[in-house]
Amino acid sequence: MRESTQLVSAGRHPERFGGLVNTPICRASTILAGSMAEWEGMKRARAAQEPGATTYGRYGTATAHAFEEAMAALEGGHRSLVFPSGLAAIATALTALLKAGDHILVSYSAYSPTRSFLDRVLSRFGVEVQVYDPACGKRIESLMQPNTRVVFVESPGSETLEIQDIPAIAAAAHARGAFVVMDNTWATPLFFKAFEHGVDVSIHAATKYIVGHSDAMLGVVTCNEAAWPKVKETTQEMGQTASPDDIFLALRGLRTMDVRLQKHMASGIRVAQWLEQQAEVEAVVHPALPSHPGHAIWKRDFRGASGLFTVVLRASDDASVAAFVDTLHHFGIGVSWGGYESLAIPFSPGKHHGDRWPHKGKAVRMHVGLEDPEDLIADLKQGLAAMVACQAAQQQDTRKDVARSA
């Protein structure tokens, strides 16, 4: 099946639920068996990790199993597991694959809570954490150690949007017996096929594009056959489970993700191209633009782009950035992204970027939602005008202060 058809049909079994087109919300803690023989069969099925097998609500209900089945099919992986948030998915997968004495390589551009979990939690339990340049590609070989067990990739990188050469990194990692774990939230299973490029564990904050409506927290991990037993076991031992109500919203979101992402991509590129032409903008960091340093790899490996990118303003002070953001009408101020609404939030590159971040101005992470892109451009035009007016007022105040002091 082509992906648009797969999105509509994956994980759906109307014949199991009286013909209901959508898998219903199944809330349960206790799950009853009709006899001891049936109970023993249920336990054997769960112990054998058969799809859909359960004996208790924590091991999933029909709602969770439908979502996991759909995600594994879309990703092209072996099996999937659902979590209450993207960070819960990341933390559990890394805990499953690492132990005291192991070494992990993590891109310095990765999602900051991922970095914090490694630095503040796993490092306390004897895991050695080392950051690396996301642009290293096959040169990551020089960083591999005998105890390297995981190479963590995120492409594009969080906020700064570096594109990584995943196939080259995966080849180097596998040659040393290490797992490759990827945060694939930006591209979704539609725009980057993680397992086709050598990834062993693909993670999504389903909160973002999969749910698509900014109204549910969820994460999902999809594994290949080698990683699956470790991640499945640790997930159950840590008691990870997710609300069936939120999972239902993710299933709903899946059905329209293709059409939504096509709109996010087209509008995002349109807005990014316009911003790149503005005198008030130092740079636009968007992998789909030829100006992006990783554009060639993006074009080779990715099937599309989402609506998230960064704009660097020709501004050196927070007041000017605040004037820009506060003037915007269609862009909300808030974290997260992937919903139908546009967002804009300033940020500073992480400490490990250092001189690697080539831009001098103030950075704003933009998410282009499902509004008309021409309305968003008109909105941004007003924001840039407000930024320029704020800078002019500051310069005038500075001249007055100089004149008074003279």
Protein backbone atom coordinates (compact mmCIF):
# COMPACT_ATOMS: atom_id res chain seq x y z
CA MET A 1 0.00 0.00 0.00
CA ARG A 2 1.06 3.56 -0.59
CA GLU A 3 1.50 5.64 2.57
CA SER A 4 -1.67 7.69 2.27
CA THR A 5 -3.69 4.47 2.11
CA GLN A 6 -1.65 2.91 4.91
CA LEU A 7 -2.34 5.91 7.16
CA VAL A 8 -6.06 5.37 6.76
CA SER A 9 -6.04 1.61 7.26
CA ALA A 10 -3.13 0.74 9.59
CA GLY A 11 -4.21 -0.58 12.99
CA ARG A 12 -7.91 -0.59 12.09
CA HIS A 13 -9.99 -3.74 12.65
CA PRO A 14 -13.70 -2.80 12.45
CA GLU A 15 -14.65 -6.48 12.50
CA ARG A 16 -13.42 -6.74 16.09
CA PHE A 17 -15.63 -3.88 17.35
CA GLY A 18 -19.04 -4.35 15.76
CA GLY A 19 -18.04 -2.52 12.59
CA LEU A 20 -16.83 0.68 14.28
CA VAL A 21 -14.63 2.51 11.80
CA ASN A 22 -12.34 3.77 14.60
CA THR A 23 -10.83 1.57 17.29
CA PRO A 24 -12.72 2.64 20.43
CA ILE A 25 -11.24 4.04 23.63
CA CYS A 26 -10.72 0.96 25.80
CA ARG A 27 -10.13 1.97 29.42
CA ALA A 28 -9.14 -0.92 31.66
CA SER A 29 -7.05 -2.00 34.60
CA THR A 30 -8.50 -5.45 35.29
CA ILE A 31 -8.94 -7.80 32.33
CA LEU A 32 -11.01 -10.91 33.05
CA ALA A 33 -10.59 -14.42 31.71
CA GLY A 34 -13.51 -16.82 31.33
CA SER A 35 -11.67 -19.78 32.83
CA MET A 36 -8.34 -20.76 34.35
CA ALA A 37 -7.39 -22.36 31.05
CA GLU A 38 -8.08 -19.09 29.25
CA TRP A 39 -6.15 -17.17 31.93
CA GLU A 40 -3.11 -19.40 31.50
CA GLY A 41 -3.32 -18.92 27.76
CA MET A 42 -3.45 -15.14 28.17
CA LYS A 43 -0.34 -15.24 30.36
CA ARG A 44 1.53 -17.42 27.89
CA ALA A 45 0.63 -15.11 25.03
CA ARG A 46 1.85 -12.05 26.92
CA ALA A 47 5.06 -13.80 28.00
CA ALA A 48 5.67 -14.70 24.37
CA GLN A 49 5.10 -11.03 23.47
CA GLU A 50 2.41 -11.85 20.98
CA PRO A 51 0.87 -8.72 19.38
CA GLY A 52 -2.22 -7.60 21.28
CA ALA A 53 -1.68 -9.98 24.21
CA THR A 54 -2.46 -8.54 27.65
CA THR A 55 -3.44 -9.56 31.17
CA TYR A 56 -3.61 -6.10 32.75
CA GLY A 57 -4.26 -2.54 31.66
CA ARG A 58 -0.61 -1.57 32.06
CA TYR A 59 0.30 -3.98 29.27
CA GLY A 60 -2.07 -2.21 26.92
CA THR A 61 -5.63 -2.44 25.68
CA ALA A 62 -7.04 -2.63 22.17
CA THR A 63 -6.57 1.13 21.76
CA ALA A 64 -2.85 0.98 22.52
CA HIS A 65 -2.33 -2.14 20.47
CA ALA A 66 -4.00 -0.55 17.44
CA PHE A 67 -1.72 2.49 17.62
CA GLU A 68 1.40 0.37 18.12
CA GLU A 69 0.45 -1.83 15.16
CA ALA A 70 -0.09 1.22 12.97
CA MET A 71 3.19 2.86 13.95
CA ALA A 72 5.25 -0.27 13.35
CA ALA A 73 3.71 -0.55 9.88
CA LEU A 74 4.34 3.10 9.02
CA GLU A 75 7.91 3.01 10.31
CA GLY A 76 8.77 -0.29 8.66
CA GLY A 77 10.09 -1.57 12.00
CA HIS A 78 9.55 -4.76 13.97
CA ARG A 79 7.33 -3.60 16.86
CA SER A 80 6.29 -0.34 18.55
CA LEU A 81 5.50 0.77 22.10
CA VAL A 82 3.52 3.80 23.25
CA PHE A 83 4.55 6.13 26.12
CA PRO A 84 2.99 9.05 28.01
CA SER A 85 5.37 11.58 26.43
CA GLY A 86 8.20 11.87 23.96
CA LEU A 87 10.75 12.26 26.75
CA ALA A 88 9.39 9.14 28.49
CA ALA A 89 9.95 7.25 25.23
CA ILE A 90 13.52 8.53 24.90
CA ALA A 91 14.41 7.91 28.56
CA THR A 92 13.05 4.37 28.55
CA ALA A 93 14.74 3.37 25.29
CA LEU A 94 18.12 4.67 26.46
CA THR A 95 17.73 3.01 29.86
CA ALA A 96 16.96 -0.27 28.11
CA LEU A 97 20.07 -0.18 25.93
CA LEU A 98 22.63 1.19 28.40
CA LYS A 99 24.13 -0.04 31.67
CA ALA A 100 26.88 1.03 34.08
CA GLY A 101 30.21 1.20 32.29
CA ASP A 102 28.72 1.81 28.84
CA HIS A 103 29.52 4.79 26.62
CA ILE A 104 27.00 6.77 24.56
CA LEU A 105 27.66 9.32 21.83
CA VAL A 106 24.96 12.00 21.58
CA SER A 107 24.78 14.86 19.09
CA TYR A 108 25.27 18.24 20.75
CA SER A 109 22.25 19.48 18.78
CA ALA A 110 19.86 16.95 20.33
CA TYR A 111 16.70 17.93 22.21
CA SER A 112 17.87 19.51 25.48
CA PRO A 113 15.75 17.27 27.79
CA THR A 114 17.42 14.25 26.15
CA ARG A 115 20.80 15.73 27.01
CA SER A 116 19.64 16.53 30.54
CA PHE A 117 18.42 12.97 31.12
CA LEU A 118 21.79 11.60 30.05
CA ASP A 119 23.81 14.15 32.02
CA ARG A 120 21.72 14.19 35.19
CA VAL A 121 20.35 10.65 35.41
CA LEU A 122 22.17 7.98 33.43
CA SER A 123 25.59 9.49 34.15
CA ARG A 124 24.84 9.06 37.88
CA PHE A 125 24.46 5.34 37.25
CA GLY A 126 27.81 4.95 35.55
CA VAL A 127 27.01 5.66 31.90
CA GLU A 128 29.69 7.70 30.16
CA VAL A 129 28.14 10.47 28.04
CA GLN A 130 30.07 12.15 25.22
CA VAL A 131 28.76 14.79 22.81
CA TYR A 132 29.76 14.93 19.16
CA ASP A 133 29.44 17.27 16.20
CA PRO A 134 26.28 16.34 14.25
CA ALA A 135 28.09 17.10 10.99
CA CYS A 136 30.80 14.49 11.61
CA GLY A 137 29.30 11.76 9.41
CA LYS A 138 31.62 8.77 9.05
CA ARG A 139 34.27 10.61 11.10
CA ILE A 140 32.33 9.44 14.14
CA GLU A 141 34.51 6.32 13.84
CA SER A 142 37.27 8.18 15.66
CA LEU A 143 34.99 8.70 18.69
CA MET A 144 33.87 5.11 19.02
CA GLN A 145 35.22 3.29 22.07
CA PRO A 146 35.23 -0.42 22.97
CA ASN A 147 32.33 0.24 25.39
CA THR A 148 30.24 2.42 23.01
CA ARG A 149 26.78 0.88 23.05
CA VAL A 150 24.56 3.65 21.63
CA VAL A 151 24.95 6.45 19.11
CA PHE A 152 22.07 8.91 19.48
CA VAL A 153 21.11 10.95 16.43
CA GLU A 154 18.54 13.65 15.81
CA SER A 155 18.18 14.97 12.30
CA PRO A 156 17.46 17.80 11.95
CA GLY A 157 18.81 18.88 15.33
CA SER A 158 16.51 20.50 17.83
CA GLU A 159 16.24 24.27 17.24
CA THR A 160 19.51 24.57 15.26
CA LEU A 161 18.38 22.02 12.62
CA GLU A 162 21.66 20.38 11.64
CA ILE A 163 21.19 17.51 9.18
CA GLN A 164 23.14 14.34 9.94
CA ASP A 165 24.47 11.70 7.56
CA ILE A 166 22.55 8.88 9.23
CA PRO A 167 23.64 6.04 6.89
CA ALA A 168 27.34 6.87 7.41
CA ILE A 169 26.93 7.13 11.19
CA ALA A 170 24.91 3.91 11.32
CA ALA A 171 27.56 2.01 9.34
CA ALA A 172 30.28 3.14 11.75
CA ALA A 173 28.17 2.33 14.81
CA HIS A 174 27.16 -1.12 13.61
CA ALA A 175 30.77 -1.98 12.75
CA ARG A 176 31.49 -1.57 16.48
CA GLY A 177 28.34 -3.36 17.67
CA ALA A 178 26.50 -0.20 18.83
CA PHE A 179 22.80 0.59 18.48
CA VAL A 180 21.68 3.71 16.59
CA VAL A 181 18.80 5.48 18.33
CA MET A 182 17.09 8.36 16.53
CA ASP A 183 14.70 11.12 17.52
CA ASN A 184 12.73 11.30 14.28
CA THR A 185 10.00 13.70 15.43
CA TRP A 186 10.70 16.50 12.91
CA ALA A 187 10.33 14.34 9.81
CA THR A 188 7.72 11.85 11.08
CA PRO A 189 7.57 8.32 9.59
CA LEU A 190 6.40 9.86 6.32
CA PHE A 191 9.38 12.07 5.51
CA PHE A 192 12.26 9.96 6.88
CA LYS A 193 12.36 6.16 6.79
CA ALA A 194 14.64 5.53 9.74
CA PHE A 195 15.05 1.78 9.37
CA GLU A 196 15.90 2.06 5.68
CA HIS A 197 18.83 4.29 6.69
CA GLY A 198 20.30 2.01 9.36
CA VAL A 199 18.52 3.15 12.52
CA ASP A 200 17.77 0.49 15.16
CA VAL A 201 15.34 2.44 17.35
CA SER A 202 13.16 5.28 16.02
CA ILE A 203 11.48 7.61 18.53
CA HIS A 204 8.75 10.19 18.04
CA ALA A 205 7.16 12.73 20.31
CA ALA A 206 3.70 11.80 19.04
CA THR A 207 2.57 14.95 20.84
CA LYS A 208 3.69 16.81 17.73
CA TYR A 209 2.65 15.92 14.16
CA ILE A 210 1.12 12.52 14.91
CA VAL A 211 -1.51 13.90 17.30
CA GLY A 212 -1.46 17.11 15.28
CA HIS A 213 -3.92 19.16 17.34
CA SER A 214 -1.91 20.25 20.42
CA ASP A 215 -4.25 18.41 22.78
CA ALA A 216 -2.44 15.23 23.88
CA MET A 217 0.94 14.18 25.27
CA LEU A 218 2.36 10.96 23.83
CA GLY A 219 5.55 9.23 22.72
CA VAL A 220 6.26 6.15 20.62
CA VAL A 221 9.29 3.90 20.17
CA THR A 222 9.69 1.55 17.21
CA CYS A 223 12.45 -1.07 17.29
CA ASN A 224 14.11 -3.52 14.97
CA GLU A 225 14.22 -7.16 16.06
CA ALA A 226 17.58 -6.82 17.82
CA ALA A 227 16.55 -3.90 20.03
CA TRP A 228 12.95 -4.96 20.67
CA PRO A 229 13.41 -7.44 23.58
CA LYS A 230 15.48 -5.00 25.65
CA VAL A 231 13.13 -2.06 25.12
CA LYS A 232 9.97 -4.12 25.67
CA GLU A 233 11.30 -5.61 28.92
CA THR A 234 12.46 -2.26 30.35
CA THR A 235 9.19 -0.58 29.37
CA GLN A 236 7.22 -3.11 31.41
CA GLU A 237 9.65 -3.07 34.32
CA MET A 238 9.46 0.72 34.55
CA GLY A 239 5.66 0.66 34.48
CA GLN A 240 5.40 2.84 31.40
CA THR A 241 1.86 3.20 30.11
CA ALA A 242 -0.21 5.84 28.32
CA SER A 243 -3.80 7.04 28.53
CA PRO A 244 -6.14 5.34 26.05
CA ASP A 245 -7.86 8.69 25.60
CA ASP A 246 -4.61 10.26 24.39
CA ILE A 247 -3.82 7.23 22.23
CA PHE A 248 -7.24 7.56 20.57
CA LEU A 249 -6.33 11.16 19.68
CA ALA A 250 -3.07 9.92 18.14
CA LEU A 251 -4.96 7.36 16.06
CA ARG A 252 -7.27 10.12 14.90
CA GLY A 253 -4.28 12.29 14.02
CA LEU A 254 -2.61 9.55 12.01
CA ARG A 255 -5.51 9.40 9.56
CA THR A 256 -4.93 12.99 8.39
CA MET A 257 -1.17 13.30 8.93
CA ASP A 258 -0.30 13.05 5.24
CA VAL A 259 -2.55 15.92 4.13
CA ARG A 260 -1.54 18.03 7.12
CA LEU A 261 2.17 17.53 6.54
CA GLN A 262 1.87 18.43 2.87
CA LYS A 263 0.33 21.74 3.94
CA HIS A 264 2.91 22.31 6.71
CA MET A 265 5.72 21.65 4.21
CA ALA A 266 4.42 23.88 1.43
CA SER A 267 3.55 26.77 3.74
CA GLY A 268 6.75 26.41 5.76
CA ILE A 269 8.94 26.60 2.65
CA ARG A 270 6.93 29.56 1.30
CA VAL A 271 7.33 31.51 4.55
CA ALA A 272 11.01 30.55 4.91
CA GLN A 273 11.78 31.70 1.36
CA TRP A 274 10.08 35.03 2.00
CA LEU A 275 11.96 35.55 5.26
CA GLU A 276 15.27 34.77 3.56
CA GLN A 277 14.73 37.75 1.25
CA GLN A 278 14.13 40.29 4.02
CA ALA A 279 16.84 42.80 4.97
CA GLU A 280 15.96 42.43 8.67
CA VAL A 281 16.82 38.71 8.58
CA GLU A 282 20.39 37.46 8.92
CA ALA A 283 19.64 33.83 8.04
CA VAL A 284 16.89 31.25 7.70
CA VAL A 285 17.86 27.76 8.87
CA HIS A 286 15.60 25.38 6.98
CA PRO A 287 16.91 22.05 5.56
CA ALA A 288 14.77 22.36 2.42
CA LEU A 289 16.46 25.63 1.41
CA PRO A 290 19.59 25.40 -0.78
CA SER A 291 21.31 27.79 1.66
CA HIS A 292 21.22 25.17 4.43
CA PRO A 293 24.64 23.48 4.97
CA GLY A 294 22.99 20.05 5.08
CA HIS A 295 20.63 20.58 2.15
CA ALA A 296 22.32 17.98 -0.09
CA ILE A 297 21.97 15.24 2.54
CA TRP A 298 18.39 16.30 3.27
CA LYS A 299 17.58 16.07 -0.42
CA ARG A 300 19.22 12.64 -0.65
CA ASP A 301 17.65 11.02 2.44
CA PHE A 302 14.40 12.84 3.24
CA ARG A 303 11.08 12.71 1.46
CA GLY A 304 9.86 16.09 2.68
CA ALA A 305 10.09 18.81 5.31
CA SER A 306 7.84 19.68 8.20
CA GLY A 307 6.83 23.18 9.26
CA LEU A 308 9.58 23.76 11.84
CA PHE A 309 12.61 25.96 11.13
CA THR A 310 14.67 28.78 12.63
CA VAL A 311 15.02 32.42 11.62
CA VAL A 312 17.96 34.55 12.78
CA LEU A 313 17.04 38.21 13.09
CA ARG A 314 19.41 41.14 12.63
CA ALA A 315 18.91 42.06 16.25
CA SER A 316 21.34 42.09 19.15
CA ASP A 317 19.03 42.81 22.07
CA ASP A 318 16.06 41.09 23.68
CA ALA A 319 13.82 44.16 23.48
CA SER A 320 13.91 44.15 19.67
CA VAL A 321 13.11 40.44 19.57
CA ALA A 322 10.25 40.96 22.03
CA ALA A 323 8.87 43.73 19.80
CA PHE A 324 8.96 41.33 16.84
CA VAL A 325 7.25 38.44 18.63
CA ASP A 326 4.72 40.53 20.56
CA THR A 327 3.46 42.13 17.34
CA LEU A 328 2.66 38.78 15.73
CA HIS A 329 -1.02 37.90 15.66
CA HIS A 330 -1.09 34.46 14.05
CA PHE A 331 2.01 33.07 15.79
CA GLY A 332 1.51 31.98 19.37
CA ILE A 333 4.28 32.16 21.98
CA GLY A 334 4.81 28.68 23.37
CA VAL A 335 6.88 25.53 23.34
CA SER A 336 6.06 22.36 21.43
CA TRP A 337 5.03 22.38 17.76
CA GLY A 338 3.38 20.12 15.22
CA GLY A 339 -0.16 21.32 15.85
CA TYR A 340 -2.37 23.19 13.43
CA GLU A 341 -1.33 26.57 14.88
CA SER A 342 1.78 28.60 14.12
CA LEU A 343 4.29 29.35 16.89
CA ALA A 344 7.31 31.60 17.42
CA ILE A 345 9.67 31.44 20.39
CA PRO A 346 13.19 32.91 20.82
CA PHE A 347 16.04 30.66 21.91
CA SER A 348 19.80 30.63 22.39
CA PRO A 349 21.90 27.75 21.01
CA GLY A 350 23.15 25.33 23.67
CA LYS A 351 26.51 25.65 25.37
CA HIS A 352 28.07 22.93 23.23
CA HIS A 353 27.47 24.86 20.01
CA GLY A 354 30.04 27.50 20.91
CA ASP A 355 31.73 28.88 17.82
CA ARG A 356 30.02 26.24 15.68
CA TRP A 357 26.86 28.37 15.54
CA PRO A 358 27.82 30.81 12.76
CA HIS A 359 25.14 33.46 13.30
CA LYS A 360 25.37 36.67 15.34
CA GLY A 361 21.73 37.75 15.55
CA LYS A 362 18.90 36.57 17.77
CA ALA A 363 17.33 33.21 16.88
CA VAL A 364 13.60 32.49 16.83
CA ARG A 365 12.20 29.00 16.29
CA MET A 366 9.20 29.15 13.98
CA HIS A 367 6.49 26.57 13.44
CA VAL A 368 4.30 27.22 10.42
CA GLY A 369 0.86 25.81 11.00
CA LEU A 370 -2.16 25.38 8.75
CA GLU A 371 -3.05 29.05 8.33
CA ASP A 372 -2.79 30.63 4.88
CA PRO A 373 0.91 31.39 4.30
CA GLU A 374 0.14 34.83 2.86
CA ASP A 375 -1.56 35.80 6.12
CA LEU A 376 1.48 34.56 8.02
CA ILE A 377 3.81 36.57 5.78
CA ALA A 378 1.74 39.72 6.34
CA ASP A 379 1.94 39.03 10.06
CA LEU A 380 5.73 38.62 9.94
CA LYS A 381 6.06 41.82 7.93
CA GLN A 382 4.42 43.71 10.77
CA GLY A 383 6.67 41.97 13.28
CA LEU A 384 9.82 42.93 11.42
CA ALA A 385 8.59 46.54 11.15
CA ALA A 386 8.02 46.61 14.91
CA MET A 387 11.53 45.26 15.49
CA VAL A 388 13.05 47.97 13.29
CA ALA A 389 11.01 50.67 15.07
CA CYS A 390 12.22 49.41 18.45
CA GLN A 391 15.83 49.50 17.29
CA ALA A 392 15.40 53.04 15.94
CA ALA A 393 13.91 54.20 19.25
CA GLN A 394 16.80 52.66 21.15
CA GLN A 395 19.32 54.40 18.90
CA GLN A 396 17.55 57.72 19.38
CA ASP A 397 17.60 57.27 23.16
CA THR A 398 21.31 56.47 22.99
CA ARG A 399 22.02 59.65 21.01
CA LYS A 400 20.07 61.72 23.55
CA ASP A 401 22.04 60.17 26.41
CA VAL A 402 25.33 60.94 24.64
CA ALA A 403 24.23 64.53 23.99
CA ARG A 404 23.26 65.04 27.64
CA SER A 405 26.52 63.63 28.90
CA ALA A 406 28.47 65.94 26.57
